[in-house]
Amino acid sequence: MIIYGLNTCTVSQRARKTLEAAGHEVTFRDIREEPMSEAEWAELISEFGDALVDRKSNDWRMLSDWLKHSEVEDQLAAKPKLMLRPVIRDGDSLYLGWSEDVERALVAS
């Protein structure tokens, strides 16, 4: 299982701790330290679309109007921190965020 997020993101940290406590072998990838490739971004955007961008974040609010109205690919390339976190890969399945539904699905598996 791979968690894509930020080391400084409390939600990503909580997801990691919960999954490790449930016995999952977790690899954590900080997307700032180890940037995503274009192919990786394309896969996530194909799966989640616009939902991949966290429009409630301060980083989103600080974007220029031009970038706010650009494509998701351009927004994430310019500022990877805009990704809604965490993104969790469990085999062939991808999950976005750390909601009760995501936690239930992954901890029960």
PDB file of N, CA and C in Angstrom:
ATOM      1  N   MET A   1       0.847  -1.164   0.000  1.00  0.00           N
ATOM      2  CA  MET A   1       0.000   0.000   0.000  1.00  0.00           C
ATOM      3  C   MET A   1       0.899   1.236   0.000  1.00  0.00           C
ATOM      4  N   ILE A   2       0.522   2.212  -0.828  1.00  0.00           N
ATOM      5  CA  ILE A   2       1.290   3.457  -0.916  1.00  0.00           C
ATOM      6  C   ILE A   2       0.370   4.620  -0.570  1.00  0.00           C
ATOM      7  N   ILE A   3       0.871   5.500   0.279  1.00  0.00           N
ATOM      8  CA  ILE A   3       0.162   6.735   0.588  1.00  0.00           C
ATOM      9  C   ILE A   3       0.948   7.873  -0.043  1.00  0.00           C
ATOM     10  N   TYR A   4       0.268   8.656  -0.877  1.00  0.00           N
ATOM     11  CA  TYR A   4       0.848   9.854  -1.476  1.00  0.00           C
ATOM     12  C   TYR A   4       0.326  11.043  -0.679  1.00  0.00           C
ATOM     13  N   GLY A   5       1.229  11.847  -0.176  1.00  0.00           N
ATOM     14  CA  GLY A   5       0.820  12.995   0.624  1.00  0.00           C
ATOM     15  C   GLY A   5       2.001  13.880   0.926  1.00  0.00           C
ATOM     16  N   LEU A   6       1.912  14.555   2.069  1.00  0.00           N
ATOM     17  CA  LEU A   6       2.984  15.425   2.544  1.00  0.00           C
ATOM     18  C   LEU A   6       3.331  15.020   3.972  1.00  0.00           C
ATOM     19  N   ASN A   7       4.626  15.034   4.295  1.00  0.00           N
ATOM     20  CA  ASN A   7       5.041  14.705   5.657  1.00  0.00           C
ATOM     21  C   ASN A   7       4.418  15.636   6.684  1.00  0.00           C
ATOM     22  N   THR A   8       4.114  16.861   6.277  1.00  0.00           N
ATOM     23  CA  THR A   8       3.567  17.850   7.202  1.00  0.00           C
ATOM     24  C   THR A   8       2.043  17.817   7.291  1.00  0.00           C
ATOM     25  N   CYS A   9       1.407  16.960   6.521  1.00  0.00           N
ATOM     26  CA  CYS A   9      -0.061  16.895   6.481  1.00  0.00           C
ATOM     27  C   CYS A   9      -0.572  15.968   7.591  1.00  0.00           C
ATOM     28  N   THR A  10      -1.325  16.531   8.528  1.00  0.00           N
ATOM     29  CA  THR A  10      -1.814  15.729   9.654  1.00  0.00           C
ATOM     30  C   THR A  10      -2.783  14.639   9.211  1.00  0.00           C
ATOM     31  N   VAL A  11      -3.555  14.884   8.176  1.00  0.00           N
ATOM     32  CA  VAL A  11      -4.495  13.866   7.690  1.00  0.00           C
ATOM     33  C   VAL A  11      -3.722  12.687   7.097  1.00  0.00           C
ATOM     34  N   SER A  12      -2.679  12.982   6.338  1.00  0.00           N
ATOM     35  CA  SER A  12      -1.840  11.915   5.774  1.00  0.00           C
ATOM     36  C   SER A  12      -1.163  11.117   6.887  1.00  0.00           C
ATOM     37  N   GLN A  13      -0.686  11.807   7.924  1.00  0.00           N
ATOM     38  CA  GLN A  13      -0.049  11.131   9.054  1.00  0.00           C
ATOM     39  C   GLN A  13      -1.046  10.229   9.780  1.00  0.00           C
ATOM     40  N   ARG A  14      -2.270  10.724   9.980  1.00  0.00           N
ATOM     41  CA  ARG A  14      -3.300   9.946  10.663  1.00  0.00           C
ATOM     42  C   ARG A  14      -3.649   8.685   9.861  1.00  0.00           C
ATOM     43  N   ALA A  15      -3.777   8.833   8.552  1.00  0.00           N
ATOM     44  CA  ALA A  15      -4.073   7.685   7.687  1.00  0.00           C
ATOM     45  C   ALA A  15      -2.948   6.654   7.786  1.00  0.00           C
ATOM     46  N   ARG A  16      -1.731   7.119   7.736  1.00  0.00           N
ATOM     47  CA  ARG A  16      -0.579   6.210   7.809  1.00  0.00           C
ATOM     48  C   ARG A  16      -0.565   5.444   9.129  1.00  0.00           C
ATOM     49  N   LYS A  17      -0.737   6.147  10.244  1.00  0.00           N
ATOM     50  CA  LYS A  17      -0.723   5.500  11.555  1.00  0.00           C
ATOM     51  C   LYS A  17      -1.853   4.493  11.697  1.00  0.00           C
ATOM     52  N   THR A  18      -3.032   4.854  11.228  1.00  0.00           N
ATOM     53  CA  THR A  18      -4.182   3.953  11.330  1.00  0.00           C
ATOM     54  C   THR A  18      -3.963   2.699  10.499  1.00  0.00           C
ATOM     55  N   LEU A  19      -3.474   2.861   9.281  1.00  0.00           N
ATOM     56  CA  LEU A  19      -3.256   1.705   8.409  1.00  0.00           C
ATOM     57  C   LEU A  19      -2.134   0.811   8.929  1.00  0.00           C
ATOM     58  N   GLU A  20      -1.061   1.411   9.452  1.00  0.00           N
ATOM     59  CA  GLU A  20       0.020   0.604  10.030  1.00  0.00           C
ATOM     60  C   GLU A  20      -0.469  -0.133  11.268  1.00  0.00           C
ATOM     61  N   ALA A  21      -1.276   0.522  12.099  1.00  0.00           N
ATOM     62  CA  ALA A  21      -1.812  -0.123  13.296  1.00  0.00           C
ATOM     63  C   ALA A  21      -2.737  -1.280  12.939  1.00  0.00           C
ATOM     64  N   ALA A  22      -3.366  -1.198  11.765  1.00  0.00           N
ATOM     65  CA  ALA A  22      -4.256  -2.267  11.307  1.00  0.00           C
ATOM     66  C   ALA A  22      -3.475  -3.402  10.646  1.00  0.00           C
ATOM     67  N   GLY A  23      -2.153  -3.283  10.600  1.00  0.00           N
ATOM     68  CA  GLY A  23      -1.322  -4.359  10.092  1.00  0.00           C
ATOM     69  C   GLY A  23      -0.926  -4.242   8.628  1.00  0.00           C
ATOM     70  N   HIS A  24      -1.226  -3.121   7.992  1.00  0.00           N
ATOM     71  CA  HIS A  24      -0.850  -2.934   6.589  1.00  0.00           C
ATOM     72  C   HIS A  24       0.604  -2.487   6.492  1.00  0.00           C
ATOM     73  N   GLU A  25       1.274  -2.986   5.464  1.00  0.00           N
ATOM     74  CA  GLU A  25       2.616  -2.502   5.157  1.00  0.00           C
ATOM     75  C   GLU A  25       2.441  -1.263   4.296  1.00  0.00           C
ATOM     76  N   VAL A  26       2.873  -0.126   4.820  1.00  0.00           N
ATOM     77  CA  VAL A  26       2.614   1.154   4.174  1.00  0.00           C
ATOM     78  C   VAL A  26       3.919   1.800   3.740  1.00  0.00           C
ATOM     79  N   THR A  27       3.949   2.241   2.484  1.00  0.00           N
ATOM     80  CA  THR A  27       5.035   3.075   1.977  1.00  0.00           C
ATOM     81  C   THR A  27       4.476   4.476   1.863  1.00  0.00           C
ATOM     82  N   PHE A  28       5.166   5.442   2.451  1.00  0.00           N
ATOM     83  CA  PHE A  28       4.707   6.829   2.385  1.00  0.00           C
ATOM     84  C   PHE A  28       5.565   7.579   1.395  1.00  0.00           C
ATOM     85  N   ARG A  29       4.919   8.308   0.500  1.00  0.00           N
ATOM     86  CA  ARG A  29       5.652   9.095  -0.496  1.00  0.00           C
ATOM     87  C   ARG A  29       5.251  10.557  -0.376  1.00  0.00           C
ATOM     88  N   ASP A  30       6.202  11.364   0.054  1.00  0.00           N
ATOM     89  CA  ASP A  30       5.985  12.805   0.133  1.00  0.00           C
ATOM     90  C   ASP A  30       6.138  13.362  -1.278  1.00  0.00           C
ATOM     91  N   ILE A  31       5.066  13.940  -1.800  1.00  0.00           N
ATOM     92  CA  ILE A  31       5.070  14.368  -3.201  1.00  0.00           C
ATOM     93  C   ILE A  31       5.920  15.612  -3.454  1.00  0.00           C
ATOM     94  N   ARG A  32       6.367  16.262  -2.381  1.00  0.00           N
ATOM     95  CA  ARG A  32       7.313  17.370  -2.573  1.00  0.00           C
ATOM     96  C   ARG A  32       8.726  16.835  -2.675  1.00  0.00           C
ATOM     97  N   GLU A  33       9.054  15.846  -1.844  1.00  0.00           N
ATOM     98  CA  GLU A  33      10.406  15.284  -1.840  1.00  0.00           C
ATOM     99  C   GLU A  33      10.640  14.371  -3.037  1.00  0.00           C
ATOM    100  N   GLU A  34       9.604  13.660  -3.447  1.00  0.00           N
ATOM    101  CA  GLU A  34       9.691  12.745  -4.585  1.00  0.00           C
ATOM    102  C   GLU A  34       8.529  13.068  -5.528  1.00  0.00           C
ATOM    103  N   PRO A  35       8.702  14.064  -6.394  1.00  0.00           N
ATOM    104  CA  PRO A  35       7.607  14.536  -7.246  1.00  0.00           C
ATOM    105  C   PRO A  35       6.995  13.441  -8.116  1.00  0.00           C
ATOM    106  N   MET A  36       5.729  13.644  -8.409  1.00  0.00           N
ATOM    107  CA  MET A  36       4.983  12.715  -9.261  1.00  0.00           C
ATOM    108  C   MET A  36       5.394  12.953 -10.714  1.00  0.00           C
ATOM    109  N   SER A  37       5.420  11.881 -11.487  1.00  0.00           N
ATOM    110  CA  SER A  37       5.693  12.001 -12.920  1.00  0.00           C
ATOM    111  C   SER A  37       4.407  12.422 -13.635  1.00  0.00           C
ATOM    112  N   GLU A  38       4.544  12.837 -14.875  1.00  0.00           N
ATOM    113  CA  GLU A  38       3.360  13.201 -15.665  1.00  0.00           C
ATOM    114  C   GLU A  38       2.409  12.021 -15.778  1.00  0.00           C
ATOM    115  N   ALA A  39       2.954  10.826 -15.952  1.00  0.00           N
ATOM    116  CA  ALA A  39       2.111   9.624 -16.078  1.00  0.00           C
ATOM    117  C   ALA A  39       1.357   9.346 -14.775  1.00  0.00           C
ATOM    118  N   GLU A  40       2.021   9.550 -13.643  1.00  0.00           N
ATOM    119  CA  GLU A  40       1.347   9.338 -12.348  1.00  0.00           C
ATOM    120  C   GLU A  40       0.226  10.350 -12.143  1.00  0.00           C
ATOM    121  N   TRP A  41       0.502  11.627 -12.458  1.00  0.00           N
ATOM    122  CA  TRP A  41      -0.541  12.646 -12.352  1.00  0.00           C
ATOM    123  C   TRP A  41      -1.699  12.298 -13.277  1.00  0.00           C
ATOM    124  N   ALA A  42      -1.382  11.874 -14.504  1.00  0.00           N
ATOM    125  CA  ALA A  42      -2.429  11.549 -15.485  1.00  0.00           C
ATOM    126  C   ALA A  42      -3.335  10.434 -14.965  1.00  0.00           C
ATOM    127  N   GLU A  43      -2.747   9.428 -14.342  1.00  0.00           N
ATOM    128  CA  GLU A  43      -3.549   8.327 -13.786  1.00  0.00           C
ATOM    129  C   GLU A  43      -4.483   8.840 -12.690  1.00  0.00           C
ATOM    130  N   LEU A  44      -3.952   9.662 -11.785  1.00  0.00           N
ATOM    131  CA  LEU A  44      -4.778  10.176 -10.691  1.00  0.00           C
ATOM    132  C   LEU A  44      -5.866  11.118 -11.205  1.00  0.00           C
ATOM    133  N   ILE A  45      -5.533  11.937 -12.172  1.00  0.00           N
ATOM    134  CA  ILE A  45      -6.527  12.852 -12.733  1.00  0.00           C
ATOM    135  C   ILE A  45      -7.602  12.072 -13.476  1.00  0.00           C
ATOM    136  N   SER A  46      -7.197  11.015 -14.167  1.00  0.00           N
ATOM    137  CA  SER A  46      -8.174  10.165 -14.850  1.00  0.00           C
ATOM    138  C   SER A  46      -9.128   9.524 -13.847  1.00  0.00           C
ATOM    139  N   GLU A  47      -8.608   9.142 -12.703  1.00  0.00           N
ATOM    140  CA  GLU A  47      -9.417   8.481 -11.671  1.00  0.00           C
ATOM    141  C   GLU A  47     -10.315   9.463 -10.916  1.00  0.00           C
ATOM    142  N   PHE A  48      -9.775  10.624 -10.542  1.00  0.00           N
ATOM    143  CA  PHE A  48     -10.487  11.533  -9.639  1.00  0.00           C
ATOM    144  C   PHE A  48     -10.936  12.847 -10.270  1.00  0.00           C
ATOM    145  N   GLY A  49     -10.390  13.206 -11.419  1.00  0.00           N
ATOM    146  CA  GLY A  49     -10.774  14.451 -12.081  1.00  0.00           C
ATOM    147  C   GLY A  49     -10.476  15.673 -11.225  1.00  0.00           C
ATOM    148  N   ASP A  50     -11.386  16.642 -11.272  1.00  0.00           N
ATOM    149  CA  ASP A  50     -11.218  17.898 -10.533  1.00  0.00           C
ATOM    150  C   ASP A  50     -11.184  17.693  -9.023  1.00  0.00           C
ATOM    151  N   ALA A  51     -11.732  16.591  -8.541  1.00  0.00           N
ATOM    152  CA  ALA A  51     -11.756  16.338  -7.096  1.00  0.00           C
ATOM    153  C   ALA A  51     -10.352  16.192  -6.524  1.00  0.00           C
ATOM    154  N   LEU A  52      -9.365  15.960  -7.371  1.00  0.00           N
ATOM    155  CA  LEU A  52      -7.985  15.797  -6.914  1.00  0.00           C
ATOM    156  C   LEU A  52      -7.404  17.103  -6.382  1.00  0.00           C
ATOM    157  N   VAL A  53      -7.986  18.236  -6.758  1.00  0.00           N
ATOM    158  CA  VAL A  53      -7.496  19.540  -6.313  1.00  0.00           C
ATOM    159  C   VAL A  53      -8.287  19.987  -5.086  1.00  0.00           C
ATOM    160  N   ASP A  54      -7.565  20.337  -4.025  1.00  0.00           N
ATOM    161  CA  ASP A  54      -8.186  20.804  -2.783  1.00  0.00           C
ATOM    162  C   ASP A  54      -8.473  22.298  -2.897  1.00  0.00           C
ATOM    163  N   ARG A  55      -9.705  22.604  -3.242  1.00  0.00           N
ATOM    164  CA  ARG A  55     -10.088  24.002  -3.453  1.00  0.00           C
ATOM    165  C   ARG A  55     -10.435  24.725  -2.157  1.00  0.00           C
ATOM    166  N   LYS A  56     -10.313  24.051  -1.037  1.00  0.00           N
ATOM    167  CA  LYS A  56     -10.562  24.687   0.261  1.00  0.00           C
ATOM    168  C   LYS A  56      -9.266  25.147   0.928  1.00  0.00           C
ATOM    169  N   SER A  57      -8.135  24.843   0.316  1.00  0.00           N
ATOM    170  CA  SER A  57      -6.841  25.132   0.938  1.00  0.00           C
ATOM    171  C   SER A  57      -6.418  26.585   0.744  1.00  0.00           C
ATOM    172  N   ASN A  58      -5.531  27.035   1.622  1.00  0.00           N
ATOM    173  CA  ASN A  58      -4.932  28.368   1.476  1.00  0.00           C
ATOM    174  C   ASN A  58      -4.134  28.465   0.186  1.00  0.00           C
ATOM    175  N   ASP A  59      -3.483  27.370  -0.191  1.00  0.00           N
ATOM    176  CA  ASP A  59      -2.705  27.376  -1.428  1.00  0.00           C
ATOM    177  C   ASP A  59      -3.599  27.661  -2.629  1.00  0.00           C
ATOM    178  N   TRP A  60      -4.804  27.106  -2.629  1.00  0.00           N
ATOM    179  CA  TRP A  60      -5.749  27.356  -3.720  1.00  0.00           C
ATOM    180  C   TRP A  60      -6.145  28.833  -3.745  1.00  0.00           C
ATOM    181  N   ARG A  61      -6.459  29.365  -2.583  1.00  0.00           N
ATOM    182  CA  ARG A  61      -6.895  30.761  -2.511  1.00  0.00           C
ATOM    183  C   ARG A  61      -5.803  31.722  -2.978  1.00  0.00           C
ATOM    184  N   MET A  62      -4.552  31.334  -2.820  1.00  0.00           N
ATOM    185  CA  MET A  62      -3.436  32.210  -3.199  1.00  0.00           C
ATOM    186  C   MET A  62      -3.043  32.082  -4.673  1.00  0.00           C
ATOM    187  N   LEU A  63      -3.669  31.179  -5.423  1.00  0.00           N
ATOM    188  CA  LEU A  63      -3.356  31.041  -6.839  1.00  0.00           C
ATOM    189  C   LEU A  63      -3.819  32.264  -7.618  1.00  0.00           C
ATOM    190  N   SER A  64      -3.147  32.518  -8.700  1.00  0.00           N
ATOM    191  CA  SER A  64      -3.600  33.593  -9.594  1.00  0.00           C
ATOM    192  C   SER A  64      -4.921  33.167 -10.236  1.00  0.00           C
ATOM    193  N   ASP A  65      -5.695  34.125 -10.670  1.00  0.00           N
ATOM    194  CA  ASP A  65      -6.965  33.820 -11.338  1.00  0.00           C
ATOM    195  C   ASP A  65      -6.734  32.959 -12.569  1.00  0.00           C
ATOM    196  N   TRP A  66      -5.664  33.245 -13.286  1.00  0.00           N
ATOM    197  CA  TRP A  66      -5.364  32.461 -14.481  1.00  0.00           C
ATOM    198  C   TRP A  66      -5.173  30.992 -14.127  1.00  0.00           C
ATOM    199  N   LEU A  67      -4.384  30.717 -13.083  1.00  0.00           N
ATOM    200  CA  LEU A  67      -4.115  29.337 -12.706  1.00  0.00           C
ATOM    201  C   LEU A  67      -5.365  28.664 -12.135  1.00  0.00           C
ATOM    202  N   LYS A  68      -6.185  29.409 -11.405  1.00  0.00           N
ATOM    203  CA  LYS A  68      -7.434  28.846 -10.875  1.00  0.00           C
ATOM    204  C   LYS A  68      -8.345  28.357 -11.999  1.00  0.00           C
ATOM    205  N   HIS A  69      -8.263  29.005 -13.153  1.00  0.00           N
ATOM    206  CA  HIS A  69      -9.129  28.627 -14.268  1.00  0.00           C
ATOM    207  C   HIS A  69      -8.426  27.742 -15.291  1.00  0.00           C
ATOM    208  N   SER A  70      -7.234  27.293 -14.976  1.00  0.00           N
ATOM    209  CA  SER A  70      -6.499  26.424 -15.889  1.00  0.00           C
ATOM    210  C   SER A  70      -6.877  24.964 -15.631  1.00  0.00           C
ATOM    211  N   GLU A  71      -6.286  24.087 -16.406  1.00  0.00           N
ATOM    212  CA  GLU A  71      -6.550  22.652 -16.277  1.00  0.00           C
ATOM    213  C   GLU A  71      -5.943  22.107 -14.983  1.00  0.00           C
ATOM    214  N   VAL A  72      -6.531  21.033 -14.491  1.00  0.00           N
ATOM    215  CA  VAL A  72      -6.056  20.392 -13.262  1.00  0.00           C
ATOM    216  C   VAL A  72      -4.576  20.037 -13.379  1.00  0.00           C
ATOM    217  N   GLU A  73      -4.164  19.544 -14.542  1.00  0.00           N
ATOM    218  CA  GLU A  73      -2.768  19.165 -14.757  1.00  0.00           C
ATOM    219  C   GLU A  73      -1.835  20.358 -14.516  1.00  0.00           C
ATOM    220  N   ASP A  74      -2.242  21.513 -15.016  1.00  0.00           N
ATOM    221  CA  ASP A  74      -1.420  22.710 -14.867  1.00  0.00           C
ATOM    222  C   ASP A  74      -1.365  23.169 -13.414  1.00  0.00           C
ATOM    223  N   GLN A  75      -2.484  23.081 -12.726  1.00  0.00           N
ATOM    224  CA  GLN A  75      -2.537  23.486 -11.321  1.00  0.00           C
ATOM    225  C   GLN A  75      -1.622  22.605 -10.475  1.00  0.00           C
ATOM    226  N   LEU A  76      -1.690  21.293 -10.678  1.00  0.00           N
ATOM    227  CA  LEU A  76      -0.878  20.377  -9.880  1.00  0.00           C
ATOM    228  C   LEU A  76       0.593  20.436 -10.260  1.00  0.00           C
ATOM    229  N   ALA A  77       0.882  20.703 -11.519  1.00  0.00           N
ATOM    230  CA  ALA A  77       2.281  20.843 -11.936  1.00  0.00           C
ATOM    231  C   ALA A  77       2.894  22.087 -11.299  1.00  0.00           C
ATOM    232  N   ALA A  78       2.117  23.165 -11.218  1.00  0.00           N
ATOM    233  CA  ALA A  78       2.613  24.407 -10.634  1.00  0.00           C
ATOM    234  C   ALA A  78       2.717  24.323  -9.122  1.00  0.00           C
ATOM    235  N   LYS A  79       1.800  23.604  -8.493  1.00  0.00           N
ATOM    236  CA  LYS A  79       1.750  23.561  -7.035  1.00  0.00           C
ATOM    237  C   LYS A  79       1.226  22.196  -6.578  1.00  0.00           C
ATOM    238  N   PRO A  80       2.107  21.194  -6.459  1.00  0.00           N
ATOM    239  CA  PRO A  80       1.670  19.853  -6.074  1.00  0.00           C
ATOM    240  C   PRO A  80       0.925  19.792  -4.733  1.00  0.00           C
ATOM    241  N   LYS A  81       1.186  20.777  -3.854  1.00  0.00           N
ATOM    242  CA  LYS A  81       0.501  20.810  -2.559  1.00  0.00           C
ATOM    243  C   LYS A  81      -1.012  20.951  -2.704  1.00  0.00           C
ATOM    244  N   LEU A  82      -1.482  21.316  -3.888  1.00  0.00           N
ATOM    245  CA  LEU A  82      -2.921  21.456  -4.111  1.00  0.00           C
ATOM    246  C   LEU A  82      -3.650  20.121  -4.118  1.00  0.00           C
ATOM    247  N   MET A  83      -2.901  19.022  -4.215  1.00  0.00           N
ATOM    248  CA  MET A  83      -3.541  17.707  -4.246  1.00  0.00           C
ATOM    249  C   MET A  83      -4.286  17.458  -2.936  1.00  0.00           C
ATOM    250  N   LEU A  84      -5.535  17.050  -3.055  1.00  0.00           N
ATOM    251  CA  LEU A  84      -6.291  16.638  -1.879  1.00  0.00           C
ATOM    252  C   LEU A  84      -5.595  15.407  -1.320  1.00  0.00           C
ATOM    253  N   ARG A  85      -5.354  15.410  -0.022  1.00  0.00           N
ATOM    254  CA  ARG A  85      -4.546  14.341   0.564  1.00  0.00           C
ATOM    255  C   ARG A  85      -5.316  13.569   1.609  1.00  0.00           C
ATOM    256  N   PRO A  86      -4.878  12.348   1.787  1.00  0.00           N
ATOM    257  CA  PRO A  86      -3.919  11.564   1.013  1.00  0.00           C
ATOM    258  C   PRO A  86      -4.591  10.891  -0.179  1.00  0.00           C
ATOM    259  N   VAL A  87      -3.758  10.438  -1.103  1.00  0.00           N
ATOM    260  CA  VAL A  87      -4.191   9.500  -2.128  1.00  0.00           C
ATOM    261  C   VAL A  87      -3.559   8.172  -1.723  1.00  0.00           C
ATOM    262  N   ILE A  88      -4.381   7.146  -1.682  1.00  0.00           N
ATOM    263  CA  ILE A  88      -3.903   5.839  -1.217  1.00  0.00           C
ATOM    264  C   ILE A  88      -4.080   4.819  -2.336  1.00  0.00           C
ATOM    265  N   ARG A  89      -2.987   4.118  -2.636  1.00  0.00           N
ATOM    266  CA  ARG A  89      -3.023   3.032  -3.618  1.00  0.00           C
ATOM    267  C   ARG A  89      -2.957   1.718  -2.852  1.00  0.00           C
ATOM    268  N   ASP A  90      -3.990   0.919  -3.032  1.00  0.00           N
ATOM    269  CA  ASP A  90      -4.032  -0.414  -2.441  1.00  0.00           C
ATOM    270  C   ASP A  90      -4.204  -1.396  -3.587  1.00  0.00           C
ATOM    271  N   GLY A  91      -3.087  -1.935  -4.057  1.00  0.00           N
ATOM    272  CA  GLY A  91      -3.130  -2.802  -5.237  1.00  0.00           C
ATOM    273  C   GLY A  91      -3.545  -1.978  -6.447  1.00  0.00           C
ATOM    274  N   ASP A  92      -4.640  -2.391  -7.086  1.00  0.00           N
ATOM    275  CA  ASP A  92      -5.144  -1.670  -8.253  1.00  0.00           C
ATOM    276  C   ASP A  92      -6.170  -0.603  -7.893  1.00  0.00           C
ATOM    277  N   SER A  93      -6.508  -0.481  -6.626  1.00  0.00           N
ATOM    278  CA  SER A  93      -7.528   0.475  -6.188  1.00  0.00           C
ATOM    279  C   SER A  93      -6.883   1.765  -5.703  1.00  0.00           C
ATOM    280  N   LEU A  94      -7.536   2.881  -6.020  1.00  0.00           N
ATOM    281  CA  LEU A  94      -7.091   4.194  -5.568  1.00  0.00           C
ATOM    282  C   LEU A  94      -8.185   4.830  -4.719  1.00  0.00           C
ATOM    283  N   TYR A  95      -7.768   5.490  -3.644  1.00  0.00           N
ATOM    284  CA  TYR A  95      -8.693   6.174  -2.739  1.00  0.00           C
ATOM    285  C   TYR A  95      -8.219   7.608  -2.565  1.00  0.00           C
ATOM    286  N   LEU A  96      -9.188   8.518  -2.461  1.00  0.00           N
ATOM    287  CA  LEU A  96      -8.869   9.929  -2.311  1.00  0.00           C
ATOM    288  C   LEU A  96      -9.387  10.423  -0.970  1.00  0.00           C
ATOM    289  N   GLY A  97      -8.480  11.009  -0.187  1.00  0.00           N
ATOM    290  CA  GLY A  97      -8.870  11.548   1.111  1.00  0.00           C
ATOM    291  C   GLY A  97      -8.874  10.475   2.192  1.00  0.00           C
ATOM    292  N   TRP A  98      -9.247  10.887   3.392  1.00  0.00           N
ATOM    293  CA  TRP A  98      -9.276   9.983   4.532  1.00  0.00           C
ATOM    294  C   TRP A  98     -10.617  10.155   5.248  1.00  0.00           C
ATOM    295  N   SER A  99     -11.661   9.691   4.604  1.00  0.00           N
ATOM    296  CA  SER A  99     -13.004   9.761   5.167  1.00  0.00           C
ATOM    297  C   SER A  99     -13.294   8.469   5.927  1.00  0.00           C
ATOM    298  N   GLU A 100     -14.412   8.430   6.625  1.00  0.00           N
ATOM    299  CA  GLU A 100     -14.806   7.211   7.336  1.00  0.00           C
ATOM    300  C   GLU A 100     -14.971   6.056   6.360  1.00  0.00           C
ATOM    301  N   ASP A 101     -15.510   6.335   5.174  1.00  0.00           N
ATOM    302  CA  ASP A 101     -15.703   5.281   4.168  1.00  0.00           C
ATOM    303  C   ASP A 101     -14.379   4.709   3.698  1.00  0.00           C
ATOM    304  N   VAL A 102     -13.408   5.587   3.444  1.00  0.00           N
ATOM    305  CA  VAL A 102     -12.080   5.121   3.000  1.00  0.00           C
ATOM    306  C   VAL A 102     -11.428   4.322   4.112  1.00  0.00           C
ATOM    307  N   GLU A 103     -11.477   4.834   5.335  1.00  0.00           N
ATOM    308  CA  GLU A 103     -10.881   4.122   6.463  1.00  0.00           C
ATOM    309  C   GLU A 103     -11.523   2.743   6.633  1.00  0.00           C
ATOM    310  N   ARG A 104     -12.838   2.703   6.587  1.00  0.00           N
ATOM    311  CA  ARG A 104     -13.545   1.418   6.740  1.00  0.00           C
ATOM    312  C   ARG A 104     -13.143   0.434   5.661  1.00  0.00           C
ATOM    313  N   ALA A 105     -13.067   0.901   4.415  1.00  0.00           N
ATOM    314  CA  ALA A 105     -12.719   0.036   3.298  1.00  0.00           C
ATOM    315  C   ALA A 105     -11.301  -0.523   3.426  1.00  0.00           C
ATOM    316  N   LEU A 106     -10.375   0.300   3.894  1.00  0.00           N
ATOM    317  CA  LEU A 106      -8.982  -0.122   3.955  1.00  0.00           C
ATOM    318  C   LEU A 106      -8.608  -0.855   5.225  1.00  0.00           C
ATOM    319  N   VAL A 107      -9.205  -0.489   6.333  1.00  0.00           N
ATOM    320  CA  VAL A 107      -8.872  -1.161   7.590  1.00  0.00           C
ATOM    321  C   VAL A 107      -9.517  -2.541   7.632  1.00  0.00           C
ATOM    322  N   ALA A 108     -10.675  -2.688   7.013  1.00  0.00           N
ATOM    323  CA  ALA A 108     -11.358  -3.982   6.984  1.00  0.00           C
ATOM    324  C   ALA A 108     -10.724  -4.946   5.994  1.00  0.00           C
ATOM    325  N   SER A 109      -9.937  -4.409   5.036  1.00  0.00           N
ATOM    326  CA  SER A 109      -9.363  -5.285   4.007  1.00  0.00           C
ATOM    327  C   SER A 109      -8.132  -6.006   4.482  1.00  0.00           C
TER     328      SER A 109
END
